[in-house]
Amino acid sequence: RTMLGGGVSMSEGGVRHFLSTHVIRVEGERASSTSHLQAVATATLATVATGVAEAEHVRTDRGWRIRRYRVTE
């Protein structure tokens, strides 16, 4: 709620966010992925938020693209 509700600005350099533990499932021209999310305050290194990022991907003539992206904090 802090991160997604506007209480933290990632664009001003106050927070670093990391995605890890990626699970990617490919089925032909489509794929889905799940990653763990951690947001850390730059100045204090305190954890601001954790969650899961889920995405749907499609293969195009220009390579793989994200079609849908969802973050659950």
Protein backbone atom coordinates (compact mmCIF):
# COMPACT_ATOMS: atom_id res chain seq x y z
CA ARG A 1 0.00 0.00 0.00
CA THR A 2 2.86 2.37 0.73
CA MET A 3 4.55 1.79 -2.60
CA LEU A 4 1.51 1.56 -4.86
CA GLY A 5 -0.51 4.24 -3.04
CA GLY A 6 1.90 7.07 -3.86
CA GLY A 7 3.57 7.20 -0.43
CA VAL A 8 6.92 6.36 -2.03
CA SER A 9 8.37 7.87 -5.20
CA MET A 10 10.54 5.52 -7.20
CA SER A 11 11.17 8.19 -9.84
CA GLU A 12 13.00 10.53 -7.45
CA GLY A 13 15.69 8.02 -6.51
CA GLY A 14 14.35 7.40 -3.00
CA VAL A 15 13.62 3.72 -3.56
CA ARG A 16 15.36 0.92 -5.40
CA HIS A 17 13.24 -1.99 -6.52
CA PHE A 18 14.48 -5.47 -7.26
CA LEU A 19 12.88 -8.41 -9.05
CA SER A 20 14.23 -11.90 -8.40
CA THR A 21 13.39 -15.61 -8.38
CA HIS A 22 11.90 -15.50 -11.87
CA VAL A 23 9.67 -18.34 -13.02
CA ILE A 24 8.97 -18.22 -16.78
CA ARG A 25 6.58 -20.53 -18.61
CA VAL A 26 6.72 -20.50 -22.42
CA GLU A 27 3.90 -21.93 -24.53
CA GLY A 28 4.50 -21.25 -28.22
CA GLU A 29 4.09 -17.55 -29.00
CA ARG A 30 2.95 -16.69 -25.46
CA ALA A 31 4.61 -16.82 -22.06
CA SER A 32 3.90 -15.91 -18.46
CA SER A 33 6.29 -14.96 -15.68
CA THR A 34 6.21 -14.56 -11.92
CA SER A 35 8.92 -12.72 -9.94
CA HIS A 36 9.41 -11.71 -6.33
CA LEU A 37 9.55 -7.94 -5.73
CA GLN A 38 11.40 -6.04 -3.02
CA ALA A 39 11.47 -2.25 -2.69
CA VAL A 40 14.26 -0.79 -0.52
CA ALA A 41 14.72 2.81 0.69
CA THR A 42 17.98 4.10 -0.81
CA ALA A 43 19.07 6.14 2.22
CA THR A 44 18.38 3.58 4.97
CA LEU A 45 18.25 0.26 3.07
CA ALA A 46 15.00 -0.47 4.92
CA THR A 47 12.52 -2.70 3.13
CA VAL A 48 9.61 -0.52 2.02
CA ALA A 49 7.51 -3.21 0.33
CA THR A 50 7.56 -6.79 -0.90
CA GLY A 51 5.32 -8.57 -3.32
CA VAL A 52 4.93 -10.49 -6.54
CA ALA A 53 5.10 -9.24 -10.13
CA GLU A 54 3.21 -11.26 -12.73
CA ALA A 55 3.36 -10.69 -16.48
CA GLU A 56 1.92 -12.06 -19.69
CA HIS A 57 4.24 -11.91 -22.70
CA VAL A 58 3.71 -12.31 -26.45
CA ARG A 59 6.26 -12.94 -29.18
CA THR A 60 6.15 -10.34 -31.96
CA ASP A 61 8.24 -9.80 -35.08
CA ARG A 62 10.32 -7.39 -32.93
CA GLY A 63 10.86 -9.93 -30.11
CA TRP A 64 9.09 -10.63 -26.83
CA ARG A 65 6.84 -7.90 -25.41
CA ILE A 66 4.90 -7.58 -22.15
CA ARG A 67 1.18 -7.57 -22.82
CA ARG A 68 -0.09 -7.40 -19.22
CA TYR A 69 1.74 -6.63 -15.96
CA ARG A 70 0.43 -6.85 -12.41
CA VAL A 71 2.08 -6.15 -9.06
CA THR A 72 0.61 -7.50 -5.83
CA GLU A 73 2.16 -5.89 -2.79
